[in-house]
Amino acid sequence: MSAMQTDAASLSALDQQGSSWNRLALASPLPDPFCATTAWQLSWRDAAGSSLPVLVRECSDGLVQFALYRMGAEPVLAPLEGHWLFGCNVLGPAGADLLEEILREEMIASGRPVPRMIISGLDPAGDCLRAIRTRLSGRLPVRGISREVQCAASLDGGLDGFLSRRSANHRRKLQQTHRRAASAGLVVEPCTPLGEEDAAKVFSRMLDIEARSWKGLAGRGMNSPSVSGFYEAMLRRLSASGSARVMFAVHDGEDIGFIFGGLAGDIYRGQQFSFDEAWRSLSPGNLMQYEQIAALCAEGVRRYDMGPLTGPSMAYKHRWAELRMPMEAYLLG
């Protein structure tokens, strides 16, 4: 991919909140728009190693991005975040045109078949997948390799509207959680880091809490080496644009929980929340979720994206999220 590789200066220019990359990610009808932005995609590259070769091709109404990975000995062009495959790497109405252009140019330049490609974060009923199949399926096999269901909560109607879409049992438990927290002196404090120094301080506070959470104690938390650099880079990017949304649960000056996510336009994407296991009986997770939603509603955010619904640890999302959005990834070649 050396002839097509995007240089560091060009990537840096795209690594801005108002860049064409982020504009197209927000304008494209995607199941998970946040994960198509640079805050997700370039943060993964930071964590995976900045030497990873990257190709970004753009025009006024389209953008495609790939990193060169290897599956065994075979080179594969995949989205920069090639682990969960949440974010779409073919954006805008001209995205499929650019994809076809890359395939043609690489084949002419190399005189051999291009590496296989992974396109992720696709709506299975969307225009982007339809265009890819129309343009490329006659030349390359196009086959599905993964399927997720992303979930979200509408914030239409503000907090009252959100609560009206929850069960009576869930609303009752939230009221009980608030009463118990108030009685115990547990409060939730908003925190919007701005700039690198703020981001570093906030991330340090989150890691300290994570070490005391069930995930951290089990070696599966945000403080694990495999993901710590990713979330740190993400928080740094979000803080540069004022798009991070963090809250801490605090008791008598001590942090006992956090909830963290970021904005993609008027959509909030939750990332992580954790709390000190010693405080589990007061349900700080539910308390922080509620307070985050209340703050987002007051801000005019229209949707709370909660990520994948699959897996036993994701069952709690059924109570919070009523929207379901299928998402698929495809292998070309």
Protein backbone atom coordinates (compact mmCIF):
# COMPACT_ATOMS: atom_id res chain seq x y z
CA MET A 1 0.00 0.00 0.00
CA SER A 2 3.05 2.28 -0.03
CA ALA A 3 2.09 4.09 -3.25
CA MET A 4 -1.26 5.08 -1.77
CA GLN A 5 -0.28 5.57 1.85
CA THR A 6 -1.53 8.76 3.52
CA ASP A 7 1.22 10.81 5.14
CA ALA A 8 1.28 12.00 8.75
CA ALA A 9 0.56 15.65 7.86
CA SER A 10 -2.59 14.73 5.96
CA LEU A 11 -3.80 12.53 8.82
CA SER A 12 -3.15 15.36 11.27
CA ALA A 13 -5.26 17.73 9.15
CA LEU A 14 -8.13 15.23 9.22
CA ASP A 15 -7.77 14.77 12.98
CA GLN A 16 -9.96 17.78 13.79
CA GLN A 17 -13.57 17.92 14.95
CA GLY A 18 -14.73 19.79 11.84
CA SER A 19 -12.71 17.79 9.29
CA SER A 20 -14.26 16.25 6.20
CA TRP A 21 -13.84 12.82 7.80
CA ASN A 22 -15.95 13.76 10.81
CA ARG A 23 -18.43 15.77 8.76
CA LEU A 24 -19.15 12.76 6.56
CA ALA A 25 -19.32 10.39 9.54
CA LEU A 26 -22.04 12.55 11.10
CA ALA A 27 -23.92 13.06 7.84
CA SER A 28 -23.98 9.37 6.84
CA PRO A 29 -26.91 7.25 8.12
CA LEU A 30 -24.90 4.78 10.22
CA PRO A 31 -25.80 2.42 13.07
CA ASP A 32 -22.90 3.84 15.13
CA PRO A 33 -21.78 7.25 13.83
CA PHE A 34 -19.41 8.01 16.71
CA CYS A 35 -17.30 4.96 15.91
CA ALA A 36 -16.84 6.20 12.32
CA THR A 37 -15.22 9.43 13.55
CA THR A 38 -11.55 10.16 14.11
CA ALA A 39 -12.11 10.11 17.89
CA TRP A 40 -12.64 6.34 17.61
CA GLN A 41 -10.67 5.37 14.51
CA LEU A 42 -7.46 7.37 14.98
CA SER A 43 -7.43 6.66 18.71
CA TRP A 44 -7.31 2.96 17.89
CA ARG A 45 -4.36 3.59 15.58
CA ASP A 46 -2.59 5.50 18.36
CA ALA A 47 -3.01 2.51 20.64
CA ALA A 48 -2.14 -0.08 17.98
CA GLY A 49 0.99 1.78 16.86
CA SER A 50 1.35 4.90 14.76
CA SER A 51 3.57 3.05 12.28
CA LEU A 52 0.50 1.22 10.98
CA PRO A 53 0.21 2.11 7.25
CA VAL A 54 -2.97 4.09 6.56
CA LEU A 55 -4.82 5.02 3.40
CA VAL A 56 -7.43 7.78 3.38
CA ARG A 57 -9.02 8.80 0.09
CA GLU A 58 -11.59 11.61 0.02
CA CYS A 59 -13.62 13.86 -2.22
CA SER A 60 -16.27 16.48 -1.49
CA ASP A 61 -18.97 13.92 -0.65
CA GLY A 62 -17.10 10.74 0.17
CA LEU A 63 -14.25 9.26 2.18
CA VAL A 64 -12.75 5.82 2.65
CA GLN A 65 -10.10 4.79 5.16
CA PHE A 66 -8.06 1.63 5.62
CA ALA A 67 -5.12 0.37 7.59
CA LEU A 68 -2.88 -2.41 6.34
CA TYR A 69 -3.14 -5.39 8.67
CA ARG A 70 -2.06 -9.00 8.28
CA MET A 71 -4.13 -12.13 8.77
CA GLY A 72 -1.33 -14.63 9.16
CA ALA A 73 0.90 -14.02 6.14
CA GLU A 74 -1.86 -12.39 4.11
CA PRO A 75 -2.19 -8.58 3.89
CA VAL A 76 -5.69 -7.24 4.52
CA LEU A 77 -7.01 -3.71 4.18
CA ALA A 78 -9.32 -3.12 7.16
CA PRO A 79 -10.75 -0.11 8.98
CA LEU A 80 -8.30 1.50 11.39
CA GLU A 81 -10.32 0.05 14.26
CA GLY A 82 -10.26 -3.52 13.02
CA HIS A 83 -11.00 -5.22 16.35
CA TRP A 84 -14.70 -4.67 17.13
CA LEU A 85 -15.52 -3.39 13.61
CA PHE A 86 -18.07 -0.90 14.94
CA GLY A 87 -17.21 2.11 12.75
CA CYS A 88 -17.93 2.39 9.03
CA ASN A 89 -14.88 3.12 6.86
CA VAL A 90 -16.77 3.98 3.65
CA LEU A 91 -18.54 7.30 4.16
CA GLY A 92 -20.79 9.55 2.12
CA PRO A 93 -22.71 9.06 -1.12
CA ALA A 94 -19.45 8.89 -3.12
CA GLY A 95 -17.78 6.39 -0.79
CA ALA A 96 -18.40 3.41 -3.07
CA ASP A 97 -17.01 5.40 -6.03
CA LEU A 98 -13.77 6.00 -4.12
CA LEU A 99 -13.58 2.35 -3.17
CA GLU A 100 -13.87 1.32 -6.81
CA GLU A 101 -11.24 3.91 -7.74
CA ILE A 102 -8.76 2.53 -5.21
CA LEU A 103 -9.26 -1.01 -6.44
CA ARG A 104 -8.68 0.04 -10.06
CA GLU A 105 -5.58 2.12 -9.31
CA GLU A 106 -3.96 -0.49 -7.09
CA MET A 107 -4.55 -3.25 -9.60
CA ILE A 108 -3.01 -1.16 -12.40
CA ALA A 109 -0.04 -0.11 -10.25
CA SER A 110 0.77 -3.54 -8.88
CA GLY A 111 -0.31 -5.74 -11.76
CA ARG A 112 -1.77 -8.20 -9.29
CA PRO A 113 -4.98 -8.62 -7.28
CA VAL A 114 -5.37 -6.12 -4.45
CA PRO A 115 -5.39 -7.34 -0.84
CA ARG A 116 -8.71 -8.38 0.55
CA MET A 117 -10.73 -5.56 2.12
CA ILE A 118 -12.95 -5.35 5.19
CA ILE A 119 -15.80 -2.83 5.24
CA SER A 120 -17.39 -2.49 8.66
CA GLY A 121 -20.15 -0.66 10.53
CA LEU A 122 -22.66 -1.07 7.69
CA ASP A 123 -26.43 -0.87 7.91
CA PRO A 124 -27.50 -4.12 6.17
CA ALA A 125 -30.44 -2.27 4.55
CA GLY A 126 -28.47 0.90 3.78
CA ASP A 127 -27.46 2.61 0.58
CA CYS A 128 -23.73 2.14 1.18
CA LEU A 129 -23.85 -1.67 1.22
CA ARG A 130 -26.21 -1.63 -1.76
CA ALA A 131 -23.78 0.53 -3.73
CA ILE A 132 -20.79 -1.67 -2.83
CA ARG A 133 -22.62 -4.78 -3.97
CA THR A 134 -23.79 -3.14 -7.18
CA ARG A 135 -20.34 -1.88 -8.13
CA LEU A 136 -18.04 -4.62 -6.90
CA SER A 137 -19.81 -7.96 -6.50
CA GLY A 138 -19.26 -8.77 -10.19
CA ARG A 139 -15.49 -8.45 -9.69
CA LEU A 140 -14.95 -9.48 -6.07
CA PRO A 141 -16.75 -11.82 -3.69
CA VAL A 142 -18.65 -9.74 -1.10
CA ARG A 143 -19.50 -11.80 1.96
CA GLY A 144 -20.59 -11.02 5.48
CA ILE A 145 -18.13 -11.79 8.28
CA SER A 146 -19.82 -10.37 11.38
CA ARG A 147 -23.15 -9.10 12.61
CA GLU A 148 -23.96 -7.05 15.70
CA VAL A 149 -27.04 -5.37 17.05
CA GLN A 150 -26.31 -1.90 18.39
CA CYS A 151 -28.78 -0.41 20.84
CA ALA A 152 -29.75 3.14 21.72
CA ALA A 153 -32.24 5.17 23.70
CA SER A 154 -34.15 8.03 22.14
CA LEU A 155 -33.99 11.22 24.19
CA ASP A 156 -36.94 12.77 22.36
CA GLY A 157 -39.17 14.58 24.80
CA GLY A 158 -36.32 15.17 27.22
CA LEU A 159 -36.01 13.31 30.50
CA ASP A 160 -39.78 12.89 30.86
CA GLY A 161 -39.94 11.38 27.38
CA PHE A 162 -37.06 9.03 28.13
CA LEU A 163 -38.65 7.87 31.40
CA SER A 164 -42.01 7.34 29.70
CA ARG A 165 -40.35 4.69 27.53
CA ARG A 166 -39.01 2.78 30.54
CA SER A 167 -40.97 0.17 32.46
CA ALA A 168 -42.76 1.12 35.66
CA ASN A 169 -40.46 -1.27 37.52
CA HIS A 170 -37.34 0.42 36.14
CA ARG A 171 -38.64 3.88 37.04
CA ARG A 172 -39.42 2.71 40.55
CA LYS A 173 -35.92 1.27 41.00
CA LEU A 174 -34.36 4.52 39.82
CA GLN A 175 -36.35 6.44 42.44
CA GLN A 176 -35.20 3.99 45.12
CA THR A 177 -31.58 4.33 43.94
CA HIS A 178 -31.78 8.11 44.25
CA ARG A 179 -33.19 7.94 47.76
CA ARG A 180 -30.54 5.48 48.96
CA ALA A 181 -27.72 7.50 47.37
CA ALA A 182 -28.93 10.75 48.93
CA SER A 183 -29.25 9.09 52.32
CA ALA A 184 -25.68 7.75 52.07
CA GLY A 185 -24.26 11.10 50.92
CA LEU A 186 -23.39 9.84 47.45
CA VAL A 187 -23.45 12.55 44.76
CA VAL A 188 -22.77 12.62 41.02
CA GLU A 189 -20.60 15.45 39.71
CA PRO A 190 -20.33 16.36 36.00
CA CYS A 191 -16.90 16.89 34.51
CA THR A 192 -16.16 18.20 31.00
CA PRO A 193 -12.39 18.07 30.46
CA LEU A 194 -10.95 20.68 28.11
CA GLY A 195 -7.47 20.17 26.71
CA GLU A 196 -4.73 17.62 27.28
CA GLU A 197 -3.96 18.51 30.89
CA ASP A 198 -7.60 18.12 31.94
CA ALA A 199 -7.88 14.88 29.98
CA ALA A 200 -4.82 13.40 31.72
CA LYS A 201 -6.17 14.25 35.18
CA VAL A 202 -9.64 12.87 34.42
CA PHE A 203 -8.24 9.68 32.91
CA SER A 204 -6.07 9.13 35.99
CA ARG A 205 -9.15 9.45 38.21
CA MET A 206 -11.02 6.94 36.04
CA LEU A 207 -8.18 4.41 36.15
CA ASP A 208 -8.02 4.69 39.92
CA ILE A 209 -11.71 3.79 40.14
CA GLU A 210 -11.39 1.05 37.54
CA ALA A 211 -8.73 -0.70 39.61
CA ARG A 212 -11.38 -1.12 42.34
CA SER A 213 -14.19 -2.25 40.02
CA TRP A 214 -15.16 -5.85 39.31
CA LYS A 215 -13.77 -5.50 35.78
CA GLY A 216 -10.47 -4.09 37.00
CA LEU A 217 -10.14 -6.71 39.73
CA ALA A 218 -10.77 -9.41 37.11
CA GLY A 219 -8.18 -7.94 34.72
CA ARG A 220 -10.88 -6.99 32.17
CA GLY A 221 -11.18 -3.28 32.83
CA MET A 222 -10.33 -0.08 31.02
CA ASN A 223 -7.00 -0.16 32.84
CA SER A 224 -5.85 -3.29 31.01
CA PRO A 225 -2.91 -2.67 28.65
CA SER A 226 -4.89 -3.81 25.60
CA VAL A 227 -7.41 -0.95 25.79
CA SER A 228 -6.02 1.68 28.18
CA GLY A 229 -4.11 3.55 25.47
CA PHE A 230 -7.17 3.53 23.22
CA TYR A 231 -9.48 5.20 25.74
CA GLU A 232 -6.78 7.62 26.84
CA ALA A 233 -6.26 8.77 23.25
CA MET A 234 -10.02 9.01 22.74
CA LEU A 235 -10.52 11.13 25.85
CA ARG A 236 -7.67 13.40 24.74
CA ARG A 237 -9.30 13.96 21.32
CA LEU A 238 -12.74 14.53 22.79
CA SER A 239 -11.33 16.97 25.33
CA ALA A 240 -9.67 18.99 22.59
CA SER A 241 -13.08 19.65 21.03
CA GLY A 242 -15.10 19.85 24.25
CA SER A 243 -17.02 16.72 23.23
CA ALA A 244 -16.17 14.48 26.21
CA ARG A 245 -18.93 13.88 28.73
CA VAL A 246 -17.74 12.47 32.07
CA MET A 247 -19.39 12.19 35.48
CA PHE A 248 -17.96 10.98 38.77
CA ALA A 249 -19.85 9.46 41.67
CA VAL A 250 -18.28 10.94 44.80
CA HIS A 251 -18.66 10.24 48.51
CA ASP A 252 -17.12 12.60 51.04
CA GLY A 253 -14.54 13.77 48.50
CA GLU A 254 -13.60 10.26 47.32
CA ASP A 255 -14.25 9.07 43.76
CA ILE A 256 -16.19 5.82 43.77
CA GLY A 257 -17.53 5.67 40.20
CA PHE A 258 -17.35 7.21 36.72
CA ILE A 259 -19.32 7.25 33.49
CA PHE A 260 -17.62 8.30 30.26
CA GLY A 261 -18.67 8.92 26.68
CA GLY A 262 -18.54 11.47 23.90
CA LEU A 263 -20.66 13.43 21.47
CA ALA A 264 -20.89 12.90 17.73
CA GLY A 265 -23.04 15.85 16.74
CA ASP A 266 -26.28 15.49 18.69
CA ILE A 267 -25.69 11.80 19.45
CA TYR A 268 -23.96 10.67 22.64
CA ARG A 269 -22.01 7.40 22.50
CA GLY A 270 -21.42 5.77 25.86
CA GLN A 271 -17.97 4.22 26.30
CA GLN A 272 -17.33 2.97 29.81
CA PHE A 273 -18.71 3.17 33.31
CA SER A 274 -17.35 1.55 36.45
CA PHE A 275 -17.56 1.85 40.19
CA ASP A 276 -15.79 0.69 43.33
CA GLU A 277 -17.08 -2.82 44.05
CA ALA A 278 -17.44 -1.95 47.74
CA TRP A 279 -20.32 0.41 46.80
CA ARG A 280 -22.32 -2.02 44.68
CA SER A 281 -25.26 -2.16 47.12
CA LEU A 282 -26.09 1.49 46.33
CA SER A 283 -26.31 0.81 42.55
CA PRO A 284 -23.94 3.63 41.53
CA GLY A 285 -24.04 2.43 37.91
CA ASN A 286 -27.77 3.08 37.64
CA LEU A 287 -27.38 6.39 39.45
CA MET A 288 -24.68 7.62 37.05
CA GLN A 289 -26.58 6.43 33.97
CA TYR A 290 -29.65 8.36 35.07
CA GLU A 291 -27.71 11.52 35.85
CA GLN A 292 -25.85 11.36 32.55
CA ILE A 293 -29.12 10.99 30.65
CA ALA A 294 -30.69 13.89 32.56
CA ALA A 295 -27.72 16.11 31.67
CA LEU A 296 -27.77 15.04 28.01
CA CYS A 297 -31.50 15.77 27.78
CA ALA A 298 -30.94 19.24 29.25
CA GLU A 299 -28.24 19.79 26.61
CA GLY A 300 -30.58 18.85 23.75
CA VAL A 301 -28.85 15.59 22.78
CA ARG A 302 -31.33 13.47 20.82
CA ARG A 303 -29.97 9.92 21.21
CA TYR A 304 -27.88 7.86 23.62
CA ASP A 305 -26.00 5.10 21.78
CA MET A 306 -25.05 2.24 24.07
CA GLY A 307 -23.09 -0.03 21.76
CA PRO A 308 -23.57 -3.77 21.20
CA LEU A 309 -26.39 -5.68 22.79
CA THR A 310 -24.90 -9.16 22.53
CA GLY A 311 -23.19 -10.99 25.38
CA PRO A 312 -24.17 -11.70 28.99
CA SER A 313 -22.55 -8.54 30.36
CA MET A 314 -24.73 -6.44 28.03
CA ALA A 315 -28.10 -7.64 29.34
CA TYR A 316 -28.59 -4.52 31.50
CA LYS A 317 -28.96 -2.44 28.31
CA HIS A 318 -32.41 -3.89 27.63
CA ARG A 319 -33.76 -1.75 30.47
CA TRP A 320 -32.21 1.45 29.14
CA ALA A 321 -32.36 1.21 25.35
CA GLU A 322 -35.43 0.63 23.18
CA LEU A 323 -33.85 1.15 19.74
CA ARG A 324 -32.18 -1.71 17.83
CA MET A 325 -29.84 -1.12 14.89
CA PRO A 326 -28.32 -4.07 13.02
CA MET A 327 -24.71 -3.66 11.93
CA GLU A 328 -22.64 -5.84 9.62
CA ALA A 329 -19.07 -6.13 8.38
CA TYR A 330 -18.13 -7.54 4.96
CA LEU A 331 -15.03 -9.03 3.41
CA LEU A 332 -14.32 -8.15 -0.22
CA GLY A 333 -12.10 -10.51 -2.16
